Structures are given as C-alpha cells and as structure tokens.
Amino acid sequence: MYVLSIILICLSVVIYFCAGIVCGMICVEIMRKKNSDMNEVLWFWAGFLLNFIAVFMTFAVKEKNEDGK
C-alpha cells in the first residue's frame, strides 16, 4: 500500500510541474502578444508560480459542514 502511495505522489508531482510549465508558457505567449520587448524568462516563472498559487488556494478552500464548522 505504501508503494502505491509513493508512486501516486510522484505521479502527481510530475503532473503538477508539467501544468506549471504549460501555465508559464501560456503567460509568455500572452505577454509576447502585448509587448515584444519583455523578459520572457521572468514571465515564464511568474506563470509557473501562478500555478502553485492556484493549487494552494484550492487546498485552502474548505467546504462547510452541515453543522457550520
């Protein structure tokens, strides 16, 4: 059971980083259309960090239980 958990955690980390790369590339493409004189590396890492912020925000949001807690 522990081996399966470790494999799933590793798989989720890989998917997480792949989504960050895609988010960074989308951010670069958007900024490239707006301004061609920009630092692409900076905008890539900004988009990559937006992915991390989005995932942490989804962990922070909790549903209320029926008893209001």
C-alpha atoms as a PDB file:
ATOM      1  CA  MET A   1       0.000   0.000   0.000  1.00  0.00           C
ATOM      2  CA  TYR A   2       2.860   2.379   0.790  1.00  0.00           C
ATOM      3  CA  VAL A   3       4.460   1.707  -2.577  1.00  0.00           C
ATOM      4  CA  LEU A   4       1.239   2.665  -4.353  1.00  0.00           C
ATOM      5  CA  SER A   5       1.033   5.868  -2.314  1.00  0.00           C
ATOM      6  CA  ILE A   6       4.621   6.783  -3.175  1.00  0.00           C
ATOM      7  CA  ILE A   7       4.018   6.101  -6.886  1.00  0.00           C
ATOM      8  CA  LEU A   8       0.866   8.240  -6.884  1.00  0.00           C
ATOM      9  CA  ILE A   9       2.635  11.083  -5.063  1.00  0.00           C
ATOM     10  CA  CYS A  10       5.483  11.007  -7.583  1.00  0.00           C
ATOM     11  CA  LEU A  11       2.999  10.983 -10.454  1.00  0.00           C
ATOM     12  CA  SER A  12       1.082  13.915  -9.001  1.00  0.00           C
ATOM     13  CA  VAL A  13       4.292  15.943  -8.564  1.00  0.00           C
ATOM     14  CA  VAL A  14       5.244  15.299 -12.201  1.00  0.00           C
ATOM     15  CA  ILE A  15       1.776  16.356 -13.399  1.00  0.00           C
ATOM     16  CA  TYR A  16       1.957  19.395 -11.123  1.00  0.00           C
ATOM     17  CA  PHE A  17       5.245  20.552 -12.646  1.00  0.00           C
ATOM     18  CA  CYS A  18       4.024  19.865 -16.194  1.00  0.00           C
ATOM     19  CA  ALA A  19       0.967  22.030 -15.523  1.00  0.00           C
ATOM     20  CA  GLY A  20       3.264  24.751 -14.191  1.00  0.00           C
ATOM     21  CA  ILE A  21       5.328  24.657 -17.375  1.00  0.00           C
ATOM     22  CA  VAL A  22       2.197  24.903 -19.517  1.00  0.00           C
ATOM     23  CA  CYS A  23       0.892  27.794 -17.405  1.00  0.00           C
ATOM     24  CA  GLY A  24       4.252  29.567 -17.716  1.00  0.00           C
ATOM     25  CA  MET A  25       4.309  29.140 -21.490  1.00  0.00           C
ATOM     26  CA  ILE A  26       0.752  30.477 -21.789  1.00  0.00           C
ATOM     27  CA  CYS A  27       1.757  33.520 -19.730  1.00  0.00           C
ATOM     28  CA  VAL A  28       4.770  34.108 -22.008  1.00  0.00           C
ATOM     29  CA  GLU A  29       2.615  33.884 -25.145  1.00  0.00           C
ATOM     30  CA  ILE A  30       0.088  36.351 -23.758  1.00  0.00           C
ATOM     31  CA  MET A  31       2.790  38.834 -22.811  1.00  0.00           C
ATOM     32  CA  ARG A  32       4.619  38.353 -26.137  1.00  0.00           C
ATOM     33  CA  LYS A  33       1.471  39.459 -27.986  1.00  0.00           C
ATOM     34  CA  LYS A  34       1.154  42.552 -25.782  1.00  0.00           C
ATOM     35  CA  ASN A  35       4.807  43.633 -25.741  1.00  0.00           C
ATOM     36  CA  SER A  36       7.684  42.138 -27.712  1.00  0.00           C
ATOM     37  CA  ASP A  37      10.347  43.928 -25.605  1.00  0.00           C
ATOM     38  CA  MET A  38       9.954  41.928 -22.433  1.00  0.00           C
ATOM     39  CA  ASN A  39      11.837  39.413 -20.359  1.00  0.00           C
ATOM     40  CA  GLU A  40      10.330  36.047 -21.301  1.00  0.00           C
ATOM     41  CA  VAL A  41      12.083  34.192 -18.503  1.00  0.00           C
ATOM     42  CA  LEU A  42      10.562  36.458 -15.881  1.00  0.00           C
ATOM     43  CA  TRP A  43       7.055  35.982 -17.264  1.00  0.00           C
ATOM     44  CA  PHE A  44       7.558  32.227 -17.554  1.00  0.00           C
ATOM     45  CA  TRP A  45       8.398  31.978 -13.861  1.00  0.00           C
ATOM     46  CA  ALA A  46       5.521  34.303 -12.995  1.00  0.00           C
ATOM     47  CA  GLY A  47       3.120  31.962 -14.814  1.00  0.00           C
ATOM     48  CA  PHE A  48       4.761  28.944 -13.197  1.00  0.00           C
ATOM     49  CA  LEU A  49       4.231  30.463  -9.743  1.00  0.00           C
ATOM     50  CA  LEU A  50       0.610  31.273 -10.590  1.00  0.00           C
ATOM     51  CA  ASN A  51       0.084  27.532 -10.962  1.00  0.00           C
ATOM     52  CA  PHE A  52       1.442  26.934  -7.447  1.00  0.00           C
ATOM     53  CA  ILE A  53      -0.710  29.720  -6.003  1.00  0.00           C
ATOM     54  CA  ALA A  54      -3.813  28.288  -7.675  1.00  0.00           C
ATOM     55  CA  VAL A  55      -3.197  24.810  -6.280  1.00  0.00           C
ATOM     56  CA  PHE A  56      -2.505  26.076  -2.751  1.00  0.00           C
ATOM     57  CA  MET A  57      -5.662  28.176  -2.873  1.00  0.00           C
ATOM     58  CA  THR A  58      -7.709  25.104  -3.765  1.00  0.00           C
ATOM     59  CA  PHE A  59      -6.259  23.343  -0.729  1.00  0.00           C
ATOM     60  CA  ALA A  60      -7.102  26.317   1.483  1.00  0.00           C
ATOM     61  CA  VAL A  61     -10.778  26.454   0.478  1.00  0.00           C
ATOM     62  CA  LYS A  62     -12.853  24.121   2.590  1.00  0.00           C
ATOM     63  CA  GLU A  63     -16.492  23.249   2.344  1.00  0.00           C
ATOM     64  CA  LYS A  64     -18.656  23.976   5.333  1.00  0.00           C
ATOM     65  CA  ASN A  65     -20.112  21.009   7.093  1.00  0.00           C
ATOM     66  CA  GLU A  66     -23.791  20.795   7.900  1.00  0.00           C
ATOM     67  CA  ASP A  67     -23.096  21.855  11.481  1.00  0.00           C
ATOM     68  CA  GLY A  68     -21.463  25.107  10.253  1.00  0.00           C
ATOM     69  CA  LYS A  69     -17.837  24.246  11.054  1.00  0.00           C
END
